[in-house]
Amino acid sequence: MEIKKDTTLGEWFKEARAQDYSFPLAMCHGIEIAMKELNRNFSEVFELFLKRAIIIQVGKMFIYDLRGHKALIPEGLHKCETCGEYKGEVMEKDLSPLDKLGYETKGGEGYLEVSCLCDGILCHKCKKNKIHRPISNSYDEEDNDILHHPYLSGMIPCSECREKQNKQIQKI
């Protein structure tokens, strides 16, 4: 069953029923919640769920992991209610086996500590917004990977200050 970029959940539901596909209604509910929480459209969530085996298609039947979008996040991480980023400890083996360049990572048995923006430091320019603490890790849910913030990252201003700086440069 082909899913176009502009397909909605309702359109997919009607089309799947018309073509005699079977799927649990909990799958639709899980997709709907993930669309809201991940701020993505239906086709993006459906593709992500297929990629991460939260939805498995067998012929005209869909099998759904009832953990839904929560299955996207490795065990040991939880979402901060203040900033919306993840924090905690995660095993290396639970992360993506490939890095952003497509190279295989070790994926060992060790744990990595992950902090959220709340644990960060104040921007050195505006002194009001936070940036990630230098020499820390944050979780990238898009790639199921860890982003390391090296020592030098403490010299980079927050996104608001960088945006102002870019606008000033564009005026010149």
C-alpha atoms as a PDB file:
ATOM      1  CA  MET A   1       0.000   0.000   0.000  1.00  0.00           C
ATOM      2  CA  GLU A   2       1.598   3.236  -1.179  1.00  0.00           C
ATOM      3  CA  ILE A   3       1.578   6.259   1.099  1.00  0.00           C
ATOM      4  CA  LYS A   4       1.912   9.666  -0.534  1.00  0.00           C
ATOM      5  CA  LYS A   5       3.530  12.611   1.242  1.00  0.00           C
ATOM      6  CA  ASP A   6       0.196  14.448   1.627  1.00  0.00           C
ATOM      7  CA  THR A   7      -1.832  11.452   2.806  1.00  0.00           C
ATOM      8  CA  THR A   8      -3.686  11.979   6.080  1.00  0.00           C
ATOM      9  CA  LEU A   9      -4.454   9.353   8.708  1.00  0.00           C
ATOM     10  CA  GLY A  10      -8.159   9.453   7.794  1.00  0.00           C
ATOM     11  CA  GLU A  11      -7.444   8.982   4.084  1.00  0.00           C
ATOM     12  CA  TRP A  12      -5.094   6.084   4.808  1.00  0.00           C
ATOM     13  CA  PHE A  13      -7.659   4.474   7.135  1.00  0.00           C
ATOM     14  CA  LYS A  14     -10.412   4.619   4.463  1.00  0.00           C
ATOM     15  CA  GLU A  15      -8.090   3.353   1.733  1.00  0.00           C
ATOM     16  CA  ALA A  16      -6.753   0.511   3.903  1.00  0.00           C
ATOM     17  CA  ARG A  17     -10.290  -0.597   4.811  1.00  0.00           C
ATOM     18  CA  ALA A  18     -11.402  -0.367   1.159  1.00  0.00           C
ATOM     19  CA  GLN A  19      -8.500  -2.639   0.130  1.00  0.00           C
ATOM     20  CA  ASP A  20      -9.255  -5.156   2.923  1.00  0.00           C
ATOM     21  CA  TYR A  21      -6.120  -4.479   4.969  1.00  0.00           C
ATOM     22  CA  SER A  22      -6.346  -5.488   8.608  1.00  0.00           C
ATOM     23  CA  PHE A  23      -4.751  -3.541  11.443  1.00  0.00           C
ATOM     24  CA  PRO A  24      -5.476  -2.868  15.100  1.00  0.00           C
ATOM     25  CA  LEU A  25      -7.317   0.378  15.810  1.00  0.00           C
ATOM     26  CA  ALA A  26      -4.687   1.037  18.490  1.00  0.00           C
ATOM     27  CA  MET A  27      -2.252   1.567  15.606  1.00  0.00           C
ATOM     28  CA  CYS A  28      -4.274   4.557  14.353  1.00  0.00           C
ATOM     29  CA  HIS A  29      -4.459   5.967  17.855  1.00  0.00           C
ATOM     30  CA  GLY A  30      -0.703   5.493  18.334  1.00  0.00           C
ATOM     31  CA  ILE A  31       0.050   7.201  15.018  1.00  0.00           C
ATOM     32  CA  GLU A  32      -2.217  10.093  15.939  1.00  0.00           C
ATOM     33  CA  ILE A  33      -0.479  10.593  19.305  1.00  0.00           C
ATOM     34  CA  ALA A  34       2.965  10.354  17.664  1.00  0.00           C
ATOM     35  CA  MET A  35       1.943  12.948  15.054  1.00  0.00           C
ATOM     36  CA  LYS A  36       1.099  15.393  17.842  1.00  0.00           C
ATOM     37  CA  GLU A  37       4.038  14.637  20.136  1.00  0.00           C
ATOM     38  CA  LEU A  38       6.669  14.433  17.396  1.00  0.00           C
ATOM     39  CA  ASN A  39       5.112  17.302  15.402  1.00  0.00           C
ATOM     40  CA  ARG A  40       5.161  15.335  12.131  1.00  0.00           C
ATOM     41  CA  ASN A  41       2.609  14.520   9.479  1.00  0.00           C
ATOM     42  CA  PHE A  42       1.055  11.089   8.927  1.00  0.00           C
ATOM     43  CA  SER A  43       3.390   9.908   6.168  1.00  0.00           C
ATOM     44  CA  GLU A  44       6.500  10.880   8.183  1.00  0.00           C
ATOM     45  CA  VAL A  45       5.284   9.033  11.301  1.00  0.00           C
ATOM     46  CA  PHE A  46       4.168   5.983   9.316  1.00  0.00           C
ATOM     47  CA  GLU A  47       7.545   5.813   7.521  1.00  0.00           C
ATOM     48  CA  LEU A  48       9.412   6.197  10.827  1.00  0.00           C
ATOM     49  CA  PHE A  49       7.302   3.461  12.451  1.00  0.00           C
ATOM     50  CA  LEU A  50       8.027   1.130   9.518  1.00  0.00           C
ATOM     51  CA  LYS A  51      11.758   1.946   9.614  1.00  0.00           C
ATOM     52  CA  ARG A  52      11.958   1.218  13.346  1.00  0.00           C
ATOM     53  CA  ALA A  53       9.698  -1.899  13.104  1.00  0.00           C
ATOM     54  CA  ILE A  54       6.948  -0.430  15.275  1.00  0.00           C
ATOM     55  CA  ILE A  55       4.644  -1.279  12.367  1.00  0.00           C
ATOM     56  CA  ILE A  56       5.339  -4.446  10.396  1.00  0.00           C
ATOM     57  CA  GLN A  57       3.424  -5.221   7.226  1.00  0.00           C
ATOM     58  CA  VAL A  58       2.758  -8.873   6.401  1.00  0.00           C
ATOM     59  CA  GLY A  59       0.710  -9.122   3.218  1.00  0.00           C
ATOM     60  CA  LYS A  60      -2.496  -7.223   3.880  1.00  0.00           C
ATOM     61  CA  MET A  61      -2.018  -7.177   7.629  1.00  0.00           C
ATOM     62  CA  PHE A  62      -0.236  -4.647   9.827  1.00  0.00           C
ATOM     63  CA  ILE A  63       1.279  -5.702  13.141  1.00  0.00           C
ATOM     64  CA  TYR A  64       1.717  -2.889  15.628  1.00  0.00           C
ATOM     65  CA  ASP A  65       3.971  -2.562  18.688  1.00  0.00           C
ATOM     66  CA  LEU A  66       1.583  -1.239  21.332  1.00  0.00           C
ATOM     67  CA  ARG A  67       4.335   0.883  22.879  1.00  0.00           C
ATOM     68  CA  GLY A  68       3.903   3.114  19.812  1.00  0.00           C
ATOM     69  CA  HIS A  69       6.168   6.124  19.579  1.00  0.00           C
ATOM     70  CA  LYS A  70       7.534   5.332  23.046  1.00  0.00           C
ATOM     71  CA  ALA A  71       9.280   2.365  21.373  1.00  0.00           C
ATOM     72  CA  LEU A  72      11.314   4.893  19.381  1.00  0.00           C
ATOM     73  CA  ILE A  73      13.108   6.046  22.521  1.00  0.00           C
ATOM     74  CA  PRO A  74      15.687   3.690  24.045  1.00  0.00           C
ATOM     75  CA  GLU A  75      15.173   2.409  27.575  1.00  0.00           C
ATOM     76  CA  GLY A  76      16.753   4.612  30.233  1.00  0.00           C
ATOM     77  CA  LEU A  77      15.817   7.929  28.624  1.00  0.00           C
ATOM     78  CA  HIS A  78      12.846  10.060  29.611  1.00  0.00           C
ATOM     79  CA  LYS A  79      11.511  13.328  28.241  1.00  0.00           C
ATOM     80  CA  CYS A  80      12.083  16.436  30.333  1.00  0.00           C
ATOM     81  CA  GLU A  81       8.768  18.163  31.016  1.00  0.00           C
ATOM     82  CA  THR A  82      10.421  21.591  30.968  1.00  0.00           C
ATOM     83  CA  CYS A  83      12.492  21.661  27.758  1.00  0.00           C
ATOM     84  CA  GLY A  84      11.133  18.602  25.910  1.00  0.00           C
ATOM     85  CA  GLU A  85      14.549  16.986  25.386  1.00  0.00           C
ATOM     86  CA  TYR A  86      15.543  13.554  26.677  1.00  0.00           C
ATOM     87  CA  LYS A  87      17.815  12.781  29.612  1.00  0.00           C
ATOM     88  CA  GLY A  88      19.019   9.753  31.526  1.00  0.00           C
ATOM     89  CA  GLU A  89      21.400   6.905  30.713  1.00  0.00           C
ATOM     90  CA  VAL A  90      21.274   4.791  27.568  1.00  0.00           C
ATOM     91  CA  MET A  91      23.159   1.682  26.510  1.00  0.00           C
ATOM     92  CA  GLU A  92      25.296   2.161  23.403  1.00  0.00           C
ATOM     93  CA  LYS A  93      23.789  -0.969  21.816  1.00  0.00           C
ATOM     94  CA  ASP A  94      20.290   0.612  21.931  1.00  0.00           C
ATOM     95  CA  LEU A  95      21.378   3.458  19.650  1.00  0.00           C
ATOM     96  CA  SER A  96      21.566   3.485  15.870  1.00  0.00           C
ATOM     97  CA  PRO A  97      24.282   1.110  14.588  1.00  0.00           C
ATOM     98  CA  LEU A  98      25.297   3.697  11.952  1.00  0.00           C
ATOM     99  CA  ASP A  99      26.478   7.258  12.431  1.00  0.00           C
ATOM    100  CA  LYS A 100      25.301  10.211  10.296  1.00  0.00           C
ATOM    101  CA  LEU A 101      27.912   9.422   7.626  1.00  0.00           C
ATOM    102  CA  GLY A 102      26.819   5.785   7.373  1.00  0.00           C
ATOM    103  CA  TYR A 103      29.804   4.333   9.229  1.00  0.00           C
ATOM    104  CA  GLU A 104      29.213   1.493  11.643  1.00  0.00           C
ATOM    105  CA  THR A 105      29.493   2.402  15.319  1.00  0.00           C
ATOM    106  CA  LYS A 106      30.701   0.054  18.030  1.00  0.00           C
ATOM    107  CA  GLY A 107      27.380  -0.240  19.861  1.00  0.00           C
ATOM    108  CA  GLY A 108      28.933  -1.735  22.981  1.00  0.00           C
ATOM    109  CA  GLU A 109      27.551  -2.672  26.365  1.00  0.00           C
ATOM    110  CA  GLY A 110      28.552   0.636  27.958  1.00  0.00           C
ATOM    111  CA  TYR A 111      26.202   3.354  29.131  1.00  0.00           C
ATOM    112  CA  LEU A 112      26.195   6.951  27.931  1.00  0.00           C
ATOM    113  CA  GLU A 113      24.890   9.774  30.098  1.00  0.00           C
ATOM    114  CA  VAL A 114      22.442  12.089  28.351  1.00  0.00           C
ATOM    115  CA  SER A 115      21.449  15.537  29.595  1.00  0.00           C
ATOM    116  CA  CYS A 116      18.772  17.937  28.438  1.00  0.00           C
ATOM    117  CA  LEU A 117      18.898  21.675  27.815  1.00  0.00           C
ATOM    118  CA  CYS A 118      17.803  22.367  31.412  1.00  0.00           C
ATOM    119  CA  ASP A 119      21.184  21.030  32.559  1.00  0.00           C
ATOM    120  CA  GLY A 120      22.919  23.458  30.198  1.00  0.00           C
ATOM    121  CA  ILE A 121      24.652  26.766  30.787  1.00  0.00           C
ATOM    122  CA  LEU A 122      23.497  30.308  30.046  1.00  0.00           C
ATOM    123  CA  CYS A 123      24.343  31.747  26.642  1.00  0.00           C
ATOM    124  CA  HIS A 124      27.430  33.934  26.989  1.00  0.00           C
ATOM    125  CA  LYS A 125      25.858  36.659  24.807  1.00  0.00           C
ATOM    126  CA  CYS A 126      22.312  37.174  26.115  1.00  0.00           C
ATOM    127  CA  LYS A 127      22.731  35.545  29.543  1.00  0.00           C
ATOM    128  CA  LYS A 128      19.070  34.398  29.439  1.00  0.00           C
ATOM    129  CA  ASN A 129      18.777  31.366  27.109  1.00  0.00           C
ATOM    130  CA  LYS A 130      20.502  28.071  27.774  1.00  0.00           C
ATOM    131  CA  ILE A 131      22.844  26.115  25.538  1.00  0.00           C
ATOM    132  CA  HIS A 132      23.935  22.511  26.032  1.00  0.00           C
ATOM    133  CA  ARG A 133      26.608  22.104  28.660  1.00  0.00           C
ATOM    134  CA  PRO A 134      30.060  21.676  27.093  1.00  0.00           C
ATOM    135  CA  ILE A 135      31.416  18.125  27.316  1.00  0.00           C
ATOM    136  CA  SER A 136      27.935  16.631  27.535  1.00  0.00           C
ATOM    137  CA  ASN A 137      25.681  14.457  25.380  1.00  0.00           C
ATOM    138  CA  SER A 138      22.147  14.983  24.140  1.00  0.00           C
ATOM    139  CA  TYR A 139      19.816  12.522  22.419  1.00  0.00           C
ATOM    140  CA  ASP A 140      18.793  12.990  18.778  1.00  0.00           C
ATOM    141  CA  GLU A 141      15.452  11.212  18.394  1.00  0.00           C
ATOM    142  CA  GLU A 142      15.425  11.687  14.594  1.00  0.00           C
ATOM    143  CA  ASP A 143      18.510   9.484  14.154  1.00  0.00           C
ATOM    144  CA  ASN A 144      18.319   7.542  17.458  1.00  0.00           C
ATOM    145  CA  ASP A 145      21.820   8.745  18.167  1.00  0.00           C
ATOM    146  CA  ILE A 146      23.820  10.764  20.673  1.00  0.00           C
ATOM    147  CA  LEU A 147      25.072  14.266  19.916  1.00  0.00           C
ATOM    148  CA  HIS A 148      28.238  15.161  21.785  1.00  0.00           C
ATOM    149  CA  HIS A 149      28.758  18.803  22.720  1.00  0.00           C
ATOM    150  CA  PRO A 150      32.540  19.395  22.888  1.00  0.00           C
ATOM    151  CA  TYR A 151      34.292  21.959  25.048  1.00  0.00           C
ATOM    152  CA  LEU A 152      34.254  24.561  22.259  1.00  0.00           C
ATOM    153  CA  SER A 153      30.445  24.437  22.026  1.00  0.00           C
ATOM    154  CA  GLY A 154      30.335  26.688  25.113  1.00  0.00           C
ATOM    155  CA  MET A 155      31.576  29.521  22.904  1.00  0.00           C
ATOM    156  CA  ILE A 156      28.669  29.226  20.474  1.00  0.00           C
ATOM    157  CA  PRO A 157      25.715  31.487  21.351  1.00  0.00           C
ATOM    158  CA  CYS A 158      22.125  30.245  21.681  1.00  0.00           C
ATOM    159  CA  SER A 159      19.916  29.837  18.618  1.00  0.00           C
ATOM    160  CA  GLU A 160      18.142  33.172  19.311  1.00  0.00           C
ATOM    161  CA  CYS A 161      21.451  35.090  19.387  1.00  0.00           C
ATOM    162  CA  ARG A 162      22.713  33.246  16.290  1.00  0.00           C
ATOM    163  CA  GLU A 163      19.505  34.187  14.453  1.00  0.00           C
ATOM    164  CA  LYS A 164      19.957  37.874  15.386  1.00  0.00           C
ATOM    165  CA  GLN A 165      23.592  37.685  14.291  1.00  0.00           C
ATOM    166  CA  ASN A 166      22.581  36.161  10.920  1.00  0.00           C
ATOM    167  CA  LYS A 167      19.995  38.913  10.348  1.00  0.00           C
ATOM    168  CA  GLN A 168      22.631  41.575  11.035  1.00  0.00           C
ATOM    169  CA  ILE A 169      25.019  39.929   8.590  1.00  0.00           C
ATOM    170  CA  GLN A 170      22.289  39.774   5.921  1.00  0.00           C
ATOM    171  CA  LYS A 171      21.662  43.537   6.287  1.00  0.00           C
ATOM    172  CA  ILE A 172      25.332  44.262   5.503  1.00  0.00           C
END
